[in-house]
Structures are given as structure tokens and as C-alpha cells.
Amino acid sequence: MNNFETILPENYQEVFHIDVKNNKTGLILNLIALLIAGILIAIAFAILFLTTDFVYDLQSSDTLYFFAFLGILILYVIAHELVHGIAYKSLTKQKLTFGIKWSCAFCGVPNIYVSRKTAMIALILPFAVFTPIFTGILVWLYFYQQFLYFYTAILLALHGGGCIGDLYVFLLFLFKFKDKTYLMRDTGPEQFIYQLQEEKE
């Protein structure tokens, strides 16, 4: 199968739709993301406090670190969406769309229907790229700069929680929509999955 189709082929029917612009869906996904982030932060902090003699000491320079962290967080969100875009662009060469809604930042290819393989690559790539990077930095900081470990743990946790929507659709493809003929239309805030229907005799 091609990486994408410019029009929906015959005998395809929509079987799944998620829309984070919907207040209820957006709220549920964000609450799950915050829960996951909170659990990851708790685990990271527990590891630090239970295995070292580190004691947090509030400093005047903490304000500078905080704003630097916010800047890095914004850059990460942009980079996350750019990685989605790199995957889609390299596999389809089609026009991308970027934006931000109250519930999420997004990248999509709204004018085409991508194959299951293309969709899965684009969905998982930010998680696959940034998780080992942030985890490696966190481990290094655990041994050499425990104060910055705090900020990196929060960044890793927000990354993990922020990937929840991508991982949800990826896992649907992995375990439910297994046939390679599935197609997906990704507008950014919305994903539509289409299944090839068997022709009736």
C-alpha cells in the first residue's frame, strides 16, 4: 500500500474518530495526561530523596531557573510537533498544518489519508525520540547535578503525559486496527480512522 491516498478509496468506512476540540474529550485526555505526569514526577522525586541525601534549598536564582525551564518547555512542545511534521513530510511530501487549541498543540496532514504504517510512525516518533533523550539527561543529572534533576524530571513527566493522545491512537493501531489497509486522516486536533469494508455479494 502507498504511504497515503489523496482521496478516500471506495468501500472505506469511518470506524473511529477522536476530536480534542471537543470539550469533554479534551478535558479527559488532559486529566489523564496530568495524572500520568504526576505519577512520573512522584516516582522521580521518590528515587532522588530515598536514595540520596539531597536536600532542596530555595535560592534566589530559582526564579531564573524557573523561567529558563518554561522557555525549554515551550521549545520542547514546538520540537514535539516538528517531529510529527518531519515524519509526515518525509513519508508523504504533502502540506502540513500546525496550530494550538486550548487542549493541545498539533501537527496534521488534513488533505490526505495516510496508511496505517505512516500514521503509526508519525504518532510514535516524538515519544521514541524524546523519551530516551530526557531519560538519559535525568540519569546523568542524578549523579552530577541533582538540583537540575528536579526540572528535568518535571520535563520528562510532562513529555510522558503530553504523549497520551499519540500513544492512545498508536496503541489502537497496534492492538485493534491491525490490518495494513486501514487509513487515517489527521487534521491535527482530529483523527479519523477508516476501514476497508468487504464487498457484499
Protein backbone atom coordinates (compact mmCIF):
# COMPACT_ATOMS: atom_id res chain seq x y z
CA MET A 1 0.00 0.00 0.00
CA ASN A 2 1.09 3.60 -0.66
CA ASN A 3 2.02 5.84 2.25
CA PHE A 4 -1.11 7.89 1.58
CA GLU A 5 -4.13 8.42 -0.64
CA THR A 6 -5.28 11.80 -1.89
CA ILE A 7 -8.93 10.73 -1.88
CA LEU A 8 -10.66 8.12 0.23
CA PRO A 9 -10.83 4.92 -1.85
CA GLU A 10 -14.11 3.17 -2.47
CA ASN A 11 -15.52 0.79 0.13
CA TYR A 12 -13.85 2.58 3.05
CA GLN A 13 -15.92 3.47 6.10
CA GLU A 14 -15.08 5.57 9.14
CA VAL A 15 -14.69 3.34 12.22
CA PHE A 16 -13.06 5.70 14.72
CA HIS A 17 -12.97 9.42 15.40
CA ILE A 18 -11.29 11.41 18.15
CA ASP A 19 -11.62 15.18 18.45
CA VAL A 20 -9.66 17.03 21.13
CA LYS A 21 -11.53 20.23 20.25
CA ASN A 22 -14.50 18.57 21.93
CA ASN A 23 -14.52 19.92 25.48
CA LYS A 24 -15.25 16.56 27.09
CA THR A 25 -12.61 14.65 25.09
CA GLY A 26 -10.01 17.37 25.57
CA LEU A 27 -10.68 17.54 29.31
CA ILE A 28 -10.48 13.76 29.75
CA LEU A 29 -7.21 13.47 27.81
CA ASN A 30 -5.68 16.39 29.72
CA LEU A 31 -6.72 14.95 33.07
CA ILE A 32 -5.17 11.60 32.13
CA ALA A 33 -2.03 13.44 30.97
CA LEU A 34 -1.79 15.30 34.29
CA LEU A 35 -2.31 12.07 36.23
CA ILE A 36 0.46 10.32 34.32
CA ALA A 37 2.74 13.34 34.71
CA GLY A 38 2.04 13.45 38.44
CA ILE A 39 2.85 9.76 38.86
CA LEU A 40 6.10 10.12 36.91
CA ILE A 41 7.13 13.17 38.95
CA ALA A 42 6.37 11.34 42.21
CA ILE A 43 8.46 8.35 41.11
CA ALA A 44 11.39 10.55 40.02
CA PHE A 45 11.36 12.58 43.24
CA ALA A 46 10.99 9.46 45.40
CA ILE A 47 14.05 7.94 43.72
CA LEU A 48 16.07 11.08 44.44
CA PHE A 49 15.01 11.57 48.06
CA LEU A 50 15.08 7.89 49.06
CA THR A 51 18.43 7.03 47.51
CA THR A 52 20.45 10.20 48.19
CA ASP A 53 20.92 12.74 50.95
CA PHE A 54 19.82 15.59 48.70
CA VAL A 55 18.01 18.45 50.47
CA TYR A 56 16.27 21.16 48.47
CA ASP A 57 17.47 24.66 49.40
CA LEU A 58 15.47 27.55 47.96
CA GLN A 59 17.77 30.07 46.28
CA SER A 60 17.17 33.49 44.73
CA SER A 61 18.44 32.08 41.43
CA ASP A 62 15.48 29.68 41.36
CA THR A 63 13.39 32.33 39.57
CA LEU A 64 15.88 32.37 36.72
CA TYR A 65 15.86 28.57 36.55
CA PHE A 66 12.07 28.57 36.55
CA PHE A 67 11.78 30.92 33.58
CA ALA A 68 14.52 29.04 31.76
CA PHE A 69 12.53 25.86 32.35
CA LEU A 70 9.39 27.48 30.90
CA GLY A 71 11.38 28.50 27.83
CA ILE A 72 12.72 24.98 27.40
CA LEU A 73 9.21 23.56 27.84
CA ILE A 74 7.86 25.80 25.07
CA LEU A 75 10.76 24.80 22.79
CA TYR A 76 10.04 21.14 23.55
CA VAL A 77 6.35 21.50 22.58
CA ILE A 78 7.41 23.08 19.29
CA ALA A 79 10.02 20.36 18.72
CA HIS A 80 7.48 17.63 19.52
CA GLU A 81 5.14 18.87 16.80
CA LEU A 82 8.01 19.39 14.36
CA VAL A 83 9.00 15.74 14.79
CA HIS A 84 5.43 14.74 13.86
CA GLY A 85 5.81 17.05 10.87
CA ILE A 86 9.16 15.61 9.83
CA ALA A 87 7.65 12.12 9.82
CA TYR A 88 4.62 13.16 7.80
CA LYS A 89 6.62 15.32 5.39
CA SER A 90 9.27 12.68 4.71
CA LEU A 91 6.65 9.96 4.12
CA THR A 92 4.07 11.96 2.15
CA LYS A 93 5.69 15.21 0.87
CA GLN A 94 2.29 16.82 1.49
CA LYS A 95 1.34 20.14 3.08
CA LEU A 96 1.38 20.18 6.88
CA THR A 97 -0.76 22.18 9.26
CA PHE A 98 0.34 23.34 12.72
CA GLY A 99 -1.63 25.03 15.44
CA ILE A 100 -2.68 25.16 19.05
CA LYS A 101 -6.04 24.69 20.75
CA TRP A 102 -6.95 25.07 24.41
CA SER A 103 -6.31 21.37 24.92
CA CYS A 104 -3.26 20.70 22.76
CA ALA A 105 -0.69 21.79 20.22
CA PHE A 106 -0.90 19.86 16.97
CA CYS A 107 0.52 18.94 13.59
CA GLY A 108 -1.54 17.29 10.88
CA VAL A 109 -1.89 16.48 7.19
CA PRO A 110 -5.58 17.25 6.71
CA ASN A 111 -5.83 16.89 2.93
CA ILE A 112 -4.79 13.23 2.61
CA TYR A 113 -5.47 9.78 4.04
CA VAL A 114 -2.30 8.22 5.41
CA SER A 115 -1.63 4.50 5.63
CA ARG A 116 -1.61 2.65 8.93
CA LYS A 117 2.20 2.39 8.79
CA THR A 118 2.65 6.10 8.10
CA ALA A 119 0.23 7.02 10.87
CA MET A 120 1.97 4.79 13.41
CA ILE A 121 5.41 6.19 12.57
CA ALA A 122 4.22 9.79 12.85
CA LEU A 123 2.32 9.10 16.08
CA ILE A 124 5.13 7.33 17.96
CA LEU A 125 8.16 9.29 16.72
CA PRO A 126 8.15 12.15 19.29
CA PHE A 127 7.80 9.65 22.14
CA ALA A 128 10.57 7.49 20.68
CA VAL A 129 12.90 10.47 20.14
CA PHE A 130 12.47 12.48 23.33
CA THR A 131 11.94 9.76 25.94
CA PRO A 132 15.49 8.33 25.73
CA ILE A 133 16.98 11.85 25.49
CA PHE A 134 15.22 13.15 28.60
CA THR A 135 15.74 9.88 30.48
CA GLY A 136 19.47 9.92 29.69
CA ILE A 137 19.80 13.53 30.86
CA LEU A 138 17.82 12.72 34.02
CA VAL A 139 20.10 9.79 34.89
CA TRP A 140 23.20 11.92 34.29
CA LEU A 141 21.84 14.73 36.47
CA TYR A 142 21.00 12.25 39.23
CA PHE A 143 24.72 11.65 39.66
CA TYR A 144 26.17 15.07 38.80
CA GLN A 145 23.63 17.90 39.29
CA GLN A 146 20.75 16.90 41.48
CA PHE A 147 19.24 20.38 41.64
CA LEU A 148 18.59 20.40 37.87
CA TYR A 149 17.28 16.84 38.21
CA PHE A 150 14.06 18.43 39.54
CA TYR A 151 13.39 20.38 36.38
CA THR A 152 14.35 17.55 34.07
CA ALA A 153 12.09 15.13 35.96
CA ILE A 154 9.18 17.55 35.50
CA LEU A 155 10.02 17.96 31.81
CA LEU A 156 10.17 14.18 31.31
CA ALA A 157 6.88 13.76 33.17
CA LEU A 158 5.12 16.44 31.12
CA HIS A 159 6.50 14.82 27.97
CA GLY A 160 5.12 11.44 29.05
CA GLY A 161 1.73 12.88 29.89
CA GLY A 162 1.67 15.02 26.76
CA CYS A 163 2.16 11.97 24.55
CA ILE A 164 -1.02 10.33 25.85
CA GLY A 165 -3.12 11.20 22.79
CA ASP A 166 -0.46 10.00 20.36
CA LEU A 167 0.08 6.79 22.32
CA TYR A 168 -3.66 6.13 22.57
CA VAL A 169 -4.17 6.19 18.80
CA PHE A 170 -0.88 4.32 18.23
CA LEU A 171 -2.00 1.53 20.57
CA LEU A 172 -5.36 1.36 18.82
CA PHE A 173 -3.50 0.66 15.58
CA LEU A 174 -1.20 -1.80 17.32
CA PHE A 175 -3.87 -3.89 19.05
CA LYS A 176 -7.27 -3.13 17.48
CA PHE A 177 -6.86 -1.81 13.94
CA LYS A 178 -4.27 -4.36 12.88
CA ASP A 179 -4.92 -4.70 9.16
CA LYS A 180 -2.48 -2.81 6.96
CA THR A 181 -5.33 -1.50 4.80
CA TYR A 182 -6.53 0.95 7.47
CA LEU A 183 -6.25 4.64 6.58
CA MET A 184 -6.19 7.71 8.81
CA ARG A 185 -6.97 11.34 8.17
CA ASP A 186 -5.14 13.55 10.65
CA THR A 187 -6.24 17.19 10.79
CA GLY A 188 -4.18 17.78 13.94
CA PRO A 189 -6.90 18.12 16.58
CA GLU A 190 -8.89 15.29 14.99
CA GLN A 191 -8.03 11.80 13.79
CA PHE A 192 -10.39 9.76 11.61
CA ILE A 193 -9.65 6.06 11.01
CA TYR A 194 -11.17 4.26 8.02
CA GLN A 195 -11.57 0.53 7.40
CA LEU A 196 -11.88 -1.24 4.09
CA GLN A 197 -15.28 -2.92 4.02
CA GLU A 198 -15.83 -6.30 2.45
CA GLU A 199 -17.92 -6.14 -0.69
CA LYS A 200 -21.30 -7.81 -0.39
CA GLU A 201 -22.09 -10.43 -2.99
